[in-house]
Amino acid sequence: MTTTLYYSPGACSLAVHILLEEIGQPFALTLVSSSNGSTRSPQHLRLNPKGRVPVLVHDDVVYTEVPAIMLHLALSNPQAHMHPATHEGLIRAIEWFNWLSGTVHSGAVRQIWRTEWFTTESSQYAGIQAKGKEHLHSAFELIEARLSTSTWAVEDHYSVVDAFLLVFYRWGGHRMGIDMKGKYSAWTALTTRVMQRSAVQRAIATEGISVW
């Protein structure tokens, strides 16, 4: 079996990279990035016509989108204990994934980083970005509230959702200039627990990024 992850350092593909490290099976990494245009190259578009990362190729089968890839890997590798153990837990994981990927990332984050997706008028950028920051603040407050009553995002153990939440925490501090430690104590505590895992440390070191 062969597994290859197409990724960009610090992008949402980091969550998949962490999961692959947690599983412990051999895999390869292929670097692509929107910053140098390689996500729009003919080679990458043949794998993912959406022109994004992550892309996972497992035994010549192509998977795209973080929630789908994460659940595929977690459910296919139950020995890693990265998926919720109950039906209710799995539904809650999907609930988290849909909101983080479909609303927080594709909505608020994209309004700030990819404003050109929302208008062709550059004069409107400032207003769209300001609204995106407002949405992001509301989302982060909701994440903090959810995490303030539990040790982990879903059930009582570390799972794929916690790895995905690490990505957003890092974006908040490194890319948005938000005082994550000062504003979000419960989320910071979760991030501290996640960062203690050797698989997480390996993925971050390989990508050459930092979280704090």
N, C-alpha and C. Protein backbone atom coordinates (compact mmCIF):
# COMPACT_ATOMS: atom_id res chain seq x y z
N MET A 1 0.85 -1.20 0.00
CA MET A 1 0.00 0.00 0.00
C MET A 1 0.88 1.25 0.00
N THR A 2 0.45 2.24 -0.74
CA THR A 2 1.17 3.51 -0.78
C THR A 2 0.21 4.64 -0.40
N THR A 3 0.73 5.61 0.35
CA THR A 3 -0.07 6.75 0.78
C THR A 3 0.76 8.01 0.58
N THR A 4 0.18 8.99 -0.12
CA THR A 4 0.85 10.26 -0.34
C THR A 4 -0.08 11.40 0.02
N LEU A 5 0.41 12.33 0.83
CA LEU A 5 -0.33 13.53 1.19
C LEU A 5 0.24 14.72 0.45
N TYR A 6 -0.59 15.40 -0.30
CA TYR A 6 -0.22 16.65 -0.94
C TYR A 6 -0.63 17.77 0.03
N TYR A 7 0.35 18.56 0.45
CA TYR A 7 0.13 19.49 1.56
C TYR A 7 0.83 20.82 1.31
N SER A 8 0.48 21.79 2.14
CA SER A 8 1.19 23.07 2.19
C SER A 8 1.46 23.37 3.65
N PRO A 9 2.66 23.78 4.02
CA PRO A 9 3.00 23.98 5.44
C PRO A 9 2.03 24.93 6.15
N GLY A 10 1.48 24.45 7.26
CA GLY A 10 0.59 25.27 8.08
C GLY A 10 -0.82 25.42 7.56
N ALA A 11 -1.10 24.86 6.39
CA ALA A 11 -2.47 24.92 5.84
C ALA A 11 -3.35 23.92 6.58
N CYS A 12 -4.61 23.82 6.19
CA CYS A 12 -5.50 22.87 6.85
C CYS A 12 -5.04 21.43 6.67
N SER A 13 -4.17 21.21 5.69
CA SER A 13 -3.59 19.88 5.49
C SER A 13 -2.75 19.44 6.68
N LEU A 14 -2.37 20.38 7.55
CA LEU A 14 -1.62 20.02 8.76
C LEU A 14 -2.39 19.00 9.59
N ALA A 15 -3.70 19.14 9.67
CA ALA A 15 -4.51 18.20 10.46
C ALA A 15 -4.38 16.78 9.92
N VAL A 16 -4.37 16.63 8.60
CA VAL A 16 -4.20 15.30 7.99
C VAL A 16 -2.79 14.78 8.24
N HIS A 17 -1.82 15.65 8.12
CA HIS A 17 -0.43 15.26 8.38
C HIS A 17 -0.29 14.72 9.81
N ILE A 18 -0.89 15.42 10.77
CA ILE A 18 -0.86 14.95 12.16
C ILE A 18 -1.48 13.57 12.28
N LEU A 19 -2.63 13.38 11.63
CA LEU A 19 -3.31 12.09 11.72
C LEU A 19 -2.47 10.97 11.13
N LEU A 20 -1.81 11.23 10.02
CA LEU A 20 -0.94 10.21 9.42
C LEU A 20 0.19 9.85 10.38
N GLU A 21 0.73 10.84 11.07
CA GLU A 21 1.77 10.55 12.07
C GLU A 21 1.19 9.73 13.23
N GLU A 22 -0.02 10.03 13.63
CA GLU A 22 -0.66 9.29 14.72
C GLU A 22 -0.89 7.83 14.33
N ILE A 23 -1.28 7.61 13.09
CA ILE A 23 -1.57 6.24 12.62
C ILE A 23 -0.29 5.40 12.61
N GLY A 24 0.81 6.00 12.19
CA GLY A 24 2.09 5.31 12.24
C GLY A 24 2.41 4.42 11.06
N GLN A 25 1.62 4.50 10.00
CA GLN A 25 1.92 3.73 8.79
C GLN A 25 2.75 4.58 7.84
N PRO A 26 3.56 3.98 6.97
CA PRO A 26 4.41 4.76 6.06
C PRO A 26 3.58 5.65 5.14
N PHE A 27 4.08 6.84 4.90
CA PHE A 27 3.43 7.76 3.95
C PHE A 27 4.48 8.70 3.38
N ALA A 28 4.15 9.29 2.25
CA ALA A 28 5.03 10.27 1.61
C ALA A 28 4.35 11.62 1.59
N LEU A 29 5.15 12.67 1.53
CA LEU A 29 4.63 14.03 1.46
C LEU A 29 5.04 14.67 0.14
N THR A 30 4.11 15.39 -0.48
CA THR A 30 4.42 16.17 -1.68
C THR A 30 3.97 17.60 -1.43
N LEU A 31 4.91 18.53 -1.52
CA LEU A 31 4.63 19.93 -1.21
C LEU A 31 4.01 20.63 -2.41
N VAL A 32 2.88 21.27 -2.20
CA VAL A 32 2.26 22.16 -3.18
C VAL A 32 1.77 23.38 -2.43
N SER A 33 1.65 24.51 -3.11
CA SER A 33 1.27 25.73 -2.42
C SER A 33 0.58 26.70 -3.36
N SER A 34 -0.45 27.37 -2.84
CA SER A 34 -1.11 28.40 -3.64
C SER A 34 -0.21 29.60 -3.83
N SER A 35 0.76 29.80 -2.93
CA SER A 35 1.63 30.97 -3.02
C SER A 35 2.54 30.92 -4.25
N ASN A 36 2.91 29.73 -4.70
CA ASN A 36 3.74 29.63 -5.90
C ASN A 36 2.97 29.10 -7.11
N GLY A 37 1.67 28.94 -6.94
CA GLY A 37 0.83 28.53 -8.06
C GLY A 37 0.77 27.04 -8.30
N SER A 38 1.46 26.24 -7.49
CA SER A 38 1.52 24.81 -7.79
C SER A 38 0.20 24.09 -7.54
N THR A 39 -0.71 24.68 -6.74
CA THR A 39 -2.02 24.06 -6.58
C THR A 39 -2.86 24.18 -7.85
N ARG A 40 -2.43 25.08 -8.75
CA ARG A 40 -3.15 25.25 -10.02
C ARG A 40 -2.40 24.63 -11.19
N SER A 41 -1.35 23.89 -10.90
CA SER A 41 -0.59 23.25 -11.97
C SER A 41 -1.41 22.15 -12.61
N PRO A 42 -1.14 21.82 -13.87
CA PRO A 42 -1.90 20.74 -14.52
C PRO A 42 -1.80 19.42 -13.76
N GLN A 43 -0.62 19.14 -13.19
CA GLN A 43 -0.44 17.88 -12.47
C GLN A 43 -1.36 17.82 -11.25
N HIS A 44 -1.41 18.94 -10.49
CA HIS A 44 -2.23 18.93 -9.29
C HIS A 44 -3.72 18.95 -9.64
N LEU A 45 -4.09 19.68 -10.66
CA LEU A 45 -5.50 19.76 -11.04
C LEU A 45 -6.02 18.42 -11.55
N ARG A 46 -5.15 17.58 -12.05
CA ARG A 46 -5.59 16.24 -12.44
C ARG A 46 -5.98 15.43 -11.20
N LEU A 47 -5.29 15.67 -10.09
CA LEU A 47 -5.65 15.00 -8.84
C LEU A 47 -6.85 15.64 -8.19
N ASN A 48 -6.86 16.96 -8.13
CA ASN A 48 -7.93 17.70 -7.47
C ASN A 48 -8.31 18.90 -8.33
N PRO A 49 -9.33 18.79 -9.15
CA PRO A 49 -9.74 19.90 -10.02
C PRO A 49 -10.13 21.15 -9.24
N LYS A 50 -10.36 21.02 -7.92
CA LYS A 50 -10.67 22.19 -7.09
C LYS A 50 -9.43 23.03 -6.83
N GLY A 51 -8.26 22.49 -7.10
CA GLY A 51 -7.03 23.26 -6.97
C GLY A 51 -6.67 23.61 -5.54
N ARG A 52 -6.85 22.67 -4.63
CA ARG A 52 -6.58 22.93 -3.22
C ARG A 52 -5.83 21.76 -2.58
N VAL A 53 -5.36 22.01 -1.38
CA VAL A 53 -4.87 20.95 -0.51
C VAL A 53 -5.81 20.90 0.69
N PRO A 54 -5.84 19.75 1.37
CA PRO A 54 -5.04 18.55 1.12
C PRO A 54 -5.64 17.66 0.05
N VAL A 55 -4.76 16.83 -0.50
CA VAL A 55 -5.16 15.70 -1.33
C VAL A 55 -4.44 14.48 -0.78
N LEU A 56 -5.18 13.42 -0.59
CA LEU A 56 -4.59 12.15 -0.14
C LEU A 56 -4.78 11.12 -1.25
N VAL A 57 -3.69 10.50 -1.65
CA VAL A 57 -3.75 9.41 -2.62
C VAL A 57 -3.36 8.13 -1.88
N HIS A 58 -4.30 7.23 -1.76
CA HIS A 58 -4.10 5.98 -1.02
C HIS A 58 -4.41 4.82 -1.95
N ASP A 59 -3.36 4.09 -2.31
CA ASP A 59 -3.52 2.96 -3.25
C ASP A 59 -4.24 3.40 -4.52
N ASP A 60 -3.81 4.53 -5.07
CA ASP A 60 -4.31 5.09 -6.33
C ASP A 60 -5.74 5.64 -6.24
N VAL A 61 -6.31 5.66 -5.05
CA VAL A 61 -7.61 6.30 -4.85
C VAL A 61 -7.38 7.70 -4.29
N VAL A 62 -8.03 8.70 -4.88
CA VAL A 62 -7.82 10.09 -4.50
C VAL A 62 -8.93 10.57 -3.57
N TYR A 63 -8.52 11.17 -2.46
CA TYR A 63 -9.47 11.74 -1.50
C TYR A 63 -9.14 13.22 -1.32
N THR A 64 -10.19 14.05 -1.24
CA THR A 64 -10.02 15.48 -1.01
C THR A 64 -10.94 15.92 0.13
N GLU A 65 -10.68 17.12 0.64
CA GLU A 65 -11.43 17.76 1.73
C GLU A 65 -11.04 17.16 3.09
N VAL A 66 -10.68 18.04 4.01
CA VAL A 66 -10.20 17.61 5.32
C VAL A 66 -11.16 16.67 6.04
N PRO A 67 -12.46 17.00 6.18
CA PRO A 67 -13.35 16.09 6.91
C PRO A 67 -13.39 14.69 6.32
N ALA A 68 -13.48 14.59 5.00
CA ALA A 68 -13.56 13.29 4.35
C ALA A 68 -12.26 12.50 4.55
N ILE A 69 -11.13 13.16 4.35
CA ILE A 69 -9.84 12.48 4.50
C ILE A 69 -9.63 12.03 5.94
N MET A 70 -9.93 12.92 6.89
CA MET A 70 -9.71 12.60 8.30
C MET A 70 -10.57 11.42 8.75
N LEU A 71 -11.84 11.43 8.38
CA LEU A 71 -12.72 10.34 8.78
C LEU A 71 -12.35 9.05 8.07
N HIS A 72 -11.95 9.14 6.81
CA HIS A 72 -11.51 7.94 6.09
C HIS A 72 -10.32 7.30 6.80
N LEU A 73 -9.31 8.11 7.13
CA LEU A 73 -8.12 7.58 7.77
C LEU A 73 -8.41 7.04 9.17
N ALA A 74 -9.20 7.79 9.93
CA ALA A 74 -9.50 7.37 11.30
C ALA A 74 -10.30 6.07 11.33
N LEU A 75 -11.32 5.98 10.49
CA LEU A 75 -12.16 4.79 10.48
C LEU A 75 -11.44 3.59 9.87
N SER A 76 -10.49 3.85 8.98
CA SER A 76 -9.73 2.75 8.35
C SER A 76 -8.61 2.24 9.24
N ASN A 77 -8.29 3.01 10.28
CA ASN A 77 -7.20 2.63 11.18
C ASN A 77 -7.68 2.71 12.63
N PRO A 78 -8.61 1.84 13.01
CA PRO A 78 -9.19 1.92 14.35
C PRO A 78 -8.18 1.73 15.47
N GLN A 79 -7.04 1.09 15.16
CA GLN A 79 -6.02 0.86 16.19
C GLN A 79 -5.42 2.17 16.71
N ALA A 80 -5.56 3.25 15.93
CA ALA A 80 -5.01 4.55 16.35
C ALA A 80 -5.93 5.28 17.33
N HIS A 81 -7.18 4.83 17.42
CA HIS A 81 -8.15 5.42 18.35
C HIS A 81 -8.33 6.92 18.12
N MET A 82 -8.39 7.32 16.85
CA MET A 82 -8.52 8.74 16.52
C MET A 82 -9.94 9.15 16.17
N HIS A 83 -10.87 8.20 16.13
CA HIS A 83 -12.26 8.55 15.85
C HIS A 83 -13.09 8.32 17.10
N PRO A 84 -14.21 9.04 17.24
CA PRO A 84 -15.07 8.82 18.41
C PRO A 84 -15.55 7.38 18.48
N ALA A 85 -15.73 6.91 19.70
CA ALA A 85 -16.04 5.50 19.89
C ALA A 85 -17.52 5.18 19.74
N THR A 86 -18.38 6.19 19.81
CA THR A 86 -19.83 5.95 19.78
C THR A 86 -20.47 6.61 18.57
N HIS A 87 -21.69 6.17 18.28
CA HIS A 87 -22.46 6.79 17.20
C HIS A 87 -22.65 8.28 17.46
N GLU A 88 -23.02 8.64 18.67
CA GLU A 88 -23.22 10.05 19.02
C GLU A 88 -21.93 10.84 18.85
N GLY A 89 -20.81 10.25 19.26
CA GLY A 89 -19.53 10.93 19.12
C GLY A 89 -19.17 11.17 17.66
N LEU A 90 -19.44 10.18 16.80
CA LEU A 90 -19.15 10.34 15.38
C LEU A 90 -19.99 11.46 14.78
N ILE A 91 -21.26 11.53 15.15
CA ILE A 91 -22.12 12.60 14.66
C ILE A 91 -21.61 13.96 15.12
N ARG A 92 -21.15 14.04 16.37
CA ARG A 92 -20.62 15.31 16.88
C ARG A 92 -19.33 15.69 16.17
N ALA A 93 -18.52 14.70 15.81
CA ALA A 93 -17.30 14.99 15.04
C ALA A 93 -17.65 15.58 13.68
N ILE A 94 -18.64 14.99 13.02
CA ILE A 94 -19.08 15.51 11.72
C ILE A 94 -19.64 16.91 11.88
N GLU A 95 -20.36 17.14 12.95
CA GLU A 95 -20.90 18.47 13.24
C GLU A 95 -19.77 19.49 13.35
N TRP A 96 -18.74 19.16 14.12
CA TRP A 96 -17.57 20.03 14.23
C TRP A 96 -16.94 20.26 12.86
N PHE A 97 -16.69 19.18 12.13
CA PHE A 97 -16.01 19.28 10.84
C PHE A 97 -16.77 20.16 9.85
N ASN A 98 -18.08 19.95 9.77
CA ASN A 98 -18.87 20.73 8.82
C ASN A 98 -18.80 22.22 9.12
N TRP A 99 -18.90 22.55 10.40
CA TRP A 99 -18.88 23.96 10.79
C TRP A 99 -17.50 24.58 10.60
N LEU A 100 -16.45 23.89 11.07
CA LEU A 100 -15.10 24.43 10.95
C LEU A 100 -14.69 24.58 9.48
N SER A 101 -14.98 23.58 8.68
CA SER A 101 -14.57 23.61 7.28
C SER A 101 -15.48 24.48 6.42
N GLY A 102 -16.78 24.31 6.61
CA GLY A 102 -17.72 24.98 5.72
C GLY A 102 -18.06 26.41 6.10
N THR A 103 -18.03 26.73 7.40
CA THR A 103 -18.40 28.08 7.83
C THR A 103 -17.20 28.90 8.27
N VAL A 104 -16.41 28.37 9.20
CA VAL A 104 -15.30 29.15 9.74
C VAL A 104 -14.20 29.33 8.70
N HIS A 105 -13.79 28.24 8.07
CA HIS A 105 -12.70 28.32 7.09
C HIS A 105 -13.17 28.97 5.79
N SER A 106 -14.16 28.35 5.16
CA SER A 106 -14.60 28.84 3.84
C SER A 106 -15.33 30.17 3.92
N GLY A 107 -15.83 30.52 5.11
CA GLY A 107 -16.50 31.79 5.29
C GLY A 107 -15.59 32.84 5.87
N ALA A 108 -15.45 32.86 7.19
CA ALA A 108 -14.72 33.93 7.88
C ALA A 108 -13.26 34.03 7.46
N VAL A 109 -12.54 32.90 7.49
CA VAL A 109 -11.12 32.94 7.15
C VAL A 109 -10.91 33.38 5.71
N ARG A 110 -11.72 32.86 4.81
CA ARG A 110 -11.56 33.23 3.40
C ARG A 110 -11.92 34.70 3.16
N GLN A 111 -12.86 35.24 3.89
CA GLN A 111 -13.16 36.66 3.75
C GLN A 111 -11.94 37.51 4.05
N ILE A 112 -11.11 37.06 4.99
CA ILE A 112 -9.93 37.82 5.40
C ILE A 112 -8.75 37.58 4.46
N TRP A 113 -8.50 36.32 4.10
CA TRP A 113 -7.31 35.98 3.31
C TRP A 113 -7.55 35.96 1.81
N ARG A 114 -8.75 35.65 1.39
CA ARG A 114 -9.04 35.51 -0.04
C ARG A 114 -10.24 36.38 -0.40
N THR A 115 -10.10 37.64 -0.09
CA THR A 115 -11.22 38.58 -0.27
C THR A 115 -11.68 38.64 -1.72
N GLU A 116 -10.76 38.38 -2.65
CA GLU A 116 -11.10 38.45 -4.07
C GLU A 116 -12.14 37.42 -4.47
N TRP A 117 -12.37 36.41 -3.63
CA TRP A 117 -13.43 35.43 -3.91
C TRP A 117 -14.82 36.05 -3.77
N PHE A 118 -14.93 37.14 -3.05
CA PHE A 118 -16.24 37.69 -2.70
C PHE A 118 -16.62 38.93 -3.50
N THR A 119 -15.67 39.54 -4.18
CA THR A 119 -15.99 40.73 -4.96
C THR A 119 -14.89 40.98 -5.98
N THR A 120 -15.25 41.64 -7.05
CA THR A 120 -14.26 42.07 -8.04
C THR A 120 -13.84 43.51 -7.80
N GLU A 121 -14.46 44.16 -6.82
CA GLU A 121 -14.19 45.57 -6.53
C GLU A 121 -13.24 45.67 -5.33
N SER A 122 -12.00 46.06 -5.58
CA SER A 122 -11.03 46.15 -4.49
C SER A 122 -11.42 47.19 -3.45
N SER A 123 -12.25 48.13 -3.84
CA SER A 123 -12.70 49.16 -2.89
C SER A 123 -13.58 48.56 -1.79
N GLN A 124 -14.09 47.35 -2.02
CA GLN A 124 -14.95 46.69 -1.04
C GLN A 124 -14.18 45.75 -0.10
N TYR A 125 -12.89 45.58 -0.36
CA TYR A 125 -12.11 44.62 0.41
C TYR A 125 -12.13 44.91 1.91
N ALA A 126 -11.92 46.15 2.29
CA ALA A 126 -11.81 46.49 3.71
C ALA A 126 -13.08 46.10 4.47
N GLY A 127 -14.24 46.37 3.89
CA GLY A 127 -15.49 46.04 4.54
C GLY A 127 -15.70 44.54 4.67
N ILE A 128 -15.34 43.81 3.61
CA ILE A 128 -15.49 42.35 3.65
C ILE A 128 -14.53 41.74 4.67
N GLN A 129 -13.31 42.24 4.71
CA GLN A 129 -12.34 41.73 5.68
C GLN A 129 -12.77 42.04 7.11
N ALA A 130 -13.32 43.22 7.33
CA ALA A 130 -13.79 43.59 8.67
C ALA A 130 -14.94 42.67 9.10
N LYS A 131 -15.82 42.37 8.17
CA LYS A 131 -16.92 41.46 8.49
C LYS A 131 -16.40 40.05 8.74
N GLY A 132 -15.39 39.64 7.98
CA GLY A 132 -14.79 38.33 8.21
C GLY A 132 -14.18 38.23 9.59
N LYS A 133 -13.52 39.29 10.04
CA LYS A 133 -12.93 39.29 11.38
C LYS A 133 -14.01 39.23 12.46
N GLU A 134 -15.13 39.87 12.20
CA GLU A 134 -16.26 39.82 13.13
C GLU A 134 -16.79 38.39 13.23
N HIS A 135 -16.96 37.74 12.08
CA HIS A 135 -17.42 36.35 12.07
C HIS A 135 -16.41 35.43 12.77
N LEU A 136 -15.12 35.68 12.52
CA LEU A 136 -14.09 34.84 13.12
C LEU A 136 -14.08 34.98 14.64
N HIS A 137 -14.23 36.21 15.12
CA HIS A 137 -14.29 36.44 16.56
C HIS A 137 -15.46 35.67 17.17
N SER A 138 -16.61 35.72 16.54
CA SER A 138 -17.78 35.00 17.05
C SER A 138 -17.54 33.50 17.07
N ALA A 139 -16.91 33.00 16.00
CA ALA A 139 -16.62 31.56 15.93
C ALA A 139 -15.64 31.14 17.00
N PHE A 140 -14.61 31.92 17.21
CA PHE A 140 -13.61 31.59 18.23
C PHE A 140 -14.22 31.63 19.63
N GLU A 141 -15.11 32.56 19.87
CA GLU A 141 -15.80 32.62 21.16
C GLU A 141 -16.64 31.36 21.37
N LEU A 142 -17.28 30.90 20.32
CA LEU A 142 -18.09 29.68 20.42
C LEU A 142 -17.22 28.46 20.68
N ILE A 143 -16.07 28.39 19.99
CA ILE A 143 -15.13 27.28 20.24
C ILE A 143 -14.69 27.29 21.70
N GLU A 144 -14.34 28.47 22.21
CA GLU A 144 -13.90 28.58 23.60
C GLU A 144 -14.99 28.11 24.56
N ALA A 145 -16.22 28.51 24.29
CA ALA A 145 -17.33 28.10 25.15
C ALA A 145 -17.53 26.59 25.13
N ARG A 146 -17.43 26.00 23.95
CA ARG A 146 -17.61 24.55 23.83
C ARG A 146 -16.51 23.80 24.58
N LEU A 147 -15.29 24.30 24.49
CA LEU A 147 -14.15 23.61 25.10
C LEU A 147 -14.05 23.85 26.60
N SER A 148 -14.73 24.86 27.09
CA SER A 148 -14.63 25.19 28.52
C SER A 148 -15.29 24.17 29.42
N THR A 149 -16.09 23.28 28.86
CA THR A 149 -16.81 22.29 29.66
C THR A 149 -16.30 20.87 29.47
N SER A 150 -15.19 20.71 28.71
CA SER A 150 -14.69 19.36 28.46
C SER A 150 -13.19 19.38 28.23
N THR A 151 -12.57 18.23 28.40
CA THR A 151 -11.13 18.11 28.19
C THR A 151 -10.79 18.04 26.71
N TRP A 152 -11.61 17.34 25.95
CA TRP A 152 -11.42 17.18 24.51
C TRP A 152 -12.66 17.63 23.76
N ALA A 153 -12.55 17.83 22.46
CA ALA A 153 -13.67 18.38 21.69
C ALA A 153 -14.85 17.42 21.61
N VAL A 154 -14.55 16.12 21.51
CA VAL A 154 -15.59 15.10 21.37
C VAL A 154 -15.30 13.97 22.35
N GLU A 155 -16.32 13.58 23.07
CA GLU A 155 -16.20 12.50 24.06
C GLU A 155 -15.09 12.82 25.07
N ASP A 156 -14.44 11.80 25.58
CA ASP A 156 -13.47 12.02 26.64
C ASP A 156 -12.06 11.64 26.22
N HIS A 157 -11.77 11.71 24.90
CA HIS A 157 -10.42 11.39 24.45
C HIS A 157 -10.05 12.21 23.22
N TYR A 158 -8.76 12.29 22.99
CA TYR A 158 -8.19 12.98 21.83
C TYR A 158 -8.71 12.35 20.54
N SER A 159 -9.05 13.18 19.57
CA SER A 159 -9.58 12.66 18.32
C SER A 159 -9.21 13.57 17.15
N VAL A 160 -9.70 13.21 15.98
CA VAL A 160 -9.44 13.98 14.77
C VAL A 160 -9.88 15.43 14.90
N VAL A 161 -10.91 15.70 15.67
CA VAL A 161 -11.40 17.08 15.81
C VAL A 161 -10.37 17.94 16.52
N ASP A 162 -9.72 17.41 17.53
CA ASP A 162 -8.71 18.18 18.26
C ASP A 162 -7.54 18.55 17.36
N ALA A 163 -7.14 17.64 16.47
CA ALA A 163 -6.07 17.94 15.53
C ALA A 163 -6.47 19.06 14.58
N PHE A 164 -7.74 19.07 14.16
CA PHE A 164 -8.22 20.12 13.26
C PHE A 164 -8.31 21.46 13.99
N LEU A 165 -8.72 21.44 15.24
CA LEU A 165 -8.80 22.67 16.02
C LEU A 165 -7.43 23.31 16.21
N LEU A 166 -6.38 22.50 16.25
CA LEU A 166 -5.03 23.05 16.37
C LEU A 166 -4.71 23.97 15.19
N VAL A 167 -5.17 23.60 14.00
CA VAL A 167 -4.92 24.41 12.81
C VAL A 167 -5.50 25.80 12.98
N PHE A 168 -6.74 25.89 13.45
CA PHE A 168 -7.40 27.18 13.61
C PHE A 168 -6.77 28.00 14.74
N TYR A 169 -6.35 27.33 15.80
CA TYR A 169 -5.66 28.03 16.89
C TYR A 169 -4.38 28.67 16.35
N ARG A 170 -3.62 27.91 15.58
CA ARG A 170 -2.37 28.43 15.03
C ARG A 170 -2.65 29.59 14.08
N TRP A 171 -3.65 29.49 13.25
CA TRP A 171 -3.99 30.59 12.35
C TRP A 171 -4.33 31.86 13.14
N GLY A 172 -5.07 31.68 14.23
CA GLY A 172 -5.46 32.83 15.02
C GLY A 172 -4.26 33.59 15.55
N GLY A 173 -3.28 32.87 16.07
CA GLY A 173 -2.11 33.52 16.64
C GLY A 173 -1.09 33.94 15.61
N HIS A 174 -0.79 33.05 14.64
CA HIS A 174 0.29 33.32 13.69
C HIS A 174 -0.16 34.14 12.48
N ARG A 175 -1.37 33.96 12.05
CA ARG A 175 -1.80 34.61 10.82
C ARG A 175 -2.75 35.79 11.05
N MET A 176 -3.48 35.77 12.15
CA MET A 176 -4.46 36.83 12.42
C MET A 176 -4.00 37.83 13.48
N GLY A 177 -2.90 37.51 14.17
CA GLY A 177 -2.41 38.41 15.20
C GLY A 177 -3.28 38.48 16.45
N ILE A 178 -4.03 37.41 16.72
CA ILE A 178 -4.91 37.37 17.89
C ILE A 178 -4.13 36.85 19.09
N ASP A 179 -4.36 37.44 20.24
CA ASP A 179 -3.74 36.98 21.48
C ASP A 179 -4.50 35.75 21.95
N MET A 180 -4.17 34.59 21.39
CA MET A 180 -4.92 33.37 21.67
C MET A 180 -4.79 32.96 23.13
N LYS A 181 -3.59 33.04 23.70
CA LYS A 181 -3.39 32.65 25.09
C LYS A 181 -4.16 33.57 26.04
N GLY A 182 -4.19 34.84 25.71
CA GLY A 182 -4.86 35.79 26.58
C GLY A 182 -6.37 35.75 26.50
N LYS A 183 -6.90 35.40 25.32
CA LYS A 183 -8.35 35.46 25.10
C LYS A 183 -9.05 34.13 25.27
N TYR A 184 -8.33 33.02 25.01
CA TYR A 184 -9.01 31.72 24.95
C TYR A 184 -8.29 30.70 25.82
N SER A 185 -8.58 30.71 27.10
CA SER A 185 -7.85 29.85 28.04
C SER A 185 -8.17 28.36 27.85
N ALA A 186 -9.43 28.03 27.61
CA ALA A 186 -9.80 26.62 27.44
C ALA A 186 -9.22 26.07 26.15
N TRP A 187 -9.26 26.85 25.08
CA TRP A 187 -8.70 26.42 23.80
C TRP A 187 -7.18 26.31 23.90
N THR A 188 -6.56 27.22 24.63
CA THR A 188 -5.12 27.15 24.85
C THR A 188 -4.76 25.89 25.63
N ALA A 189 -5.56 25.54 26.62
CA ALA A 189 -5.31 24.32 27.39
C ALA A 189 -5.42 23.09 26.49
N LEU A 190 -6.41 23.05 25.62
CA LEU A 190 -6.55 21.95 24.67
C LEU A 190 -5.33 21.88 23.76
N THR A 191 -4.92 23.03 23.24
CA THR A 191 -3.77 23.08 22.34
C THR A 191 -2.51 22.58 23.05
N THR A 192 -2.35 22.93 24.31
CA THR A 192 -1.21 22.45 25.09
C THR A 192 -1.20 20.94 25.18
N ARG A 193 -2.37 20.34 25.42
CA ARG A 193 -2.46 18.88 25.49
C ARG A 193 -2.14 18.25 24.14
N VAL A 194 -2.66 18.84 23.08
CA VAL A 194 -2.41 18.30 21.73
C VAL A 194 -0.92 18.39 21.40
N MET A 195 -0.30 19.51 21.76
CA MET A 195 1.10 19.73 21.44
C MET A 195 2.05 18.79 22.19
N GLN A 196 1.57 18.16 23.22
CA GLN A 196 2.40 17.21 23.97
C GLN A 196 2.56 15.88 23.25
N ARG A 197 1.79 15.65 22.22
CA ARG A 197 1.83 14.38 21.51
C ARG A 197 3.00 14.37 20.52
N SER A 198 3.74 13.28 20.54
CA SER A 198 4.93 13.19 19.69
C SER A 198 4.57 13.24 18.20
N ALA A 199 3.42 12.69 17.83
CA ALA A 199 2.99 12.74 16.42
C ALA A 199 2.78 14.17 15.97
N VAL A 200 2.20 14.97 16.82
CA VAL A 200 1.97 16.39 16.50
C VAL A 200 3.30 17.11 16.37
N GLN A 201 4.20 16.85 17.28
CA GLN A 201 5.52 17.48 17.24
C GLN A 201 6.28 17.11 15.97
N ARG A 202 6.16 15.86 15.55
CA ARG A 202 6.84 15.44 14.32
C ARG A 202 6.27 16.16 13.10
N ALA A 203 4.96 16.25 13.01
CA ALA A 203 4.33 16.90 11.86
C ALA A 203 4.73 18.38 11.78
N ILE A 204 4.71 19.05 12.91
CA ILE A 204 5.05 20.47 12.95
C ILE A 204 6.52 20.68 12.58
N ALA A 205 7.39 19.82 13.11
CA ALA A 205 8.82 19.94 12.78
C ALA A 205 9.07 19.69 11.31
N THR A 206 8.41 18.70 10.74
CA THR A 206 8.58 18.39 9.33
C THR A 206 8.14 19.55 8.46
N GLU A 207 7.05 20.21 8.83
CA GLU A 207 6.55 21.33 8.03
C GLU A 207 7.31 22.62 8.29
N GLY A 208 8.17 22.62 9.32
CA GLY A 208 8.98 23.80 9.59
C GLY A 208 8.19 24.99 10.09
N ILE A 209 7.17 24.71 10.90
CA ILE A 209 6.31 25.77 11.43
C ILE A 209 6.30 25.71 12.95
N SER A 210 5.64 26.67 13.57
CA SER A 210 5.47 26.66 15.02
C SER A 210 4.04 26.99 15.35
N VAL A 211 3.62 26.70 16.56
CA VAL A 211 2.25 26.95 16.99
C VAL A 211 2.19 28.12 17.95
N TRP A 212 3.11 28.23 18.87
CA TRP A 212 3.08 29.28 19.86
C TRP A 212 3.72 30.56 19.32
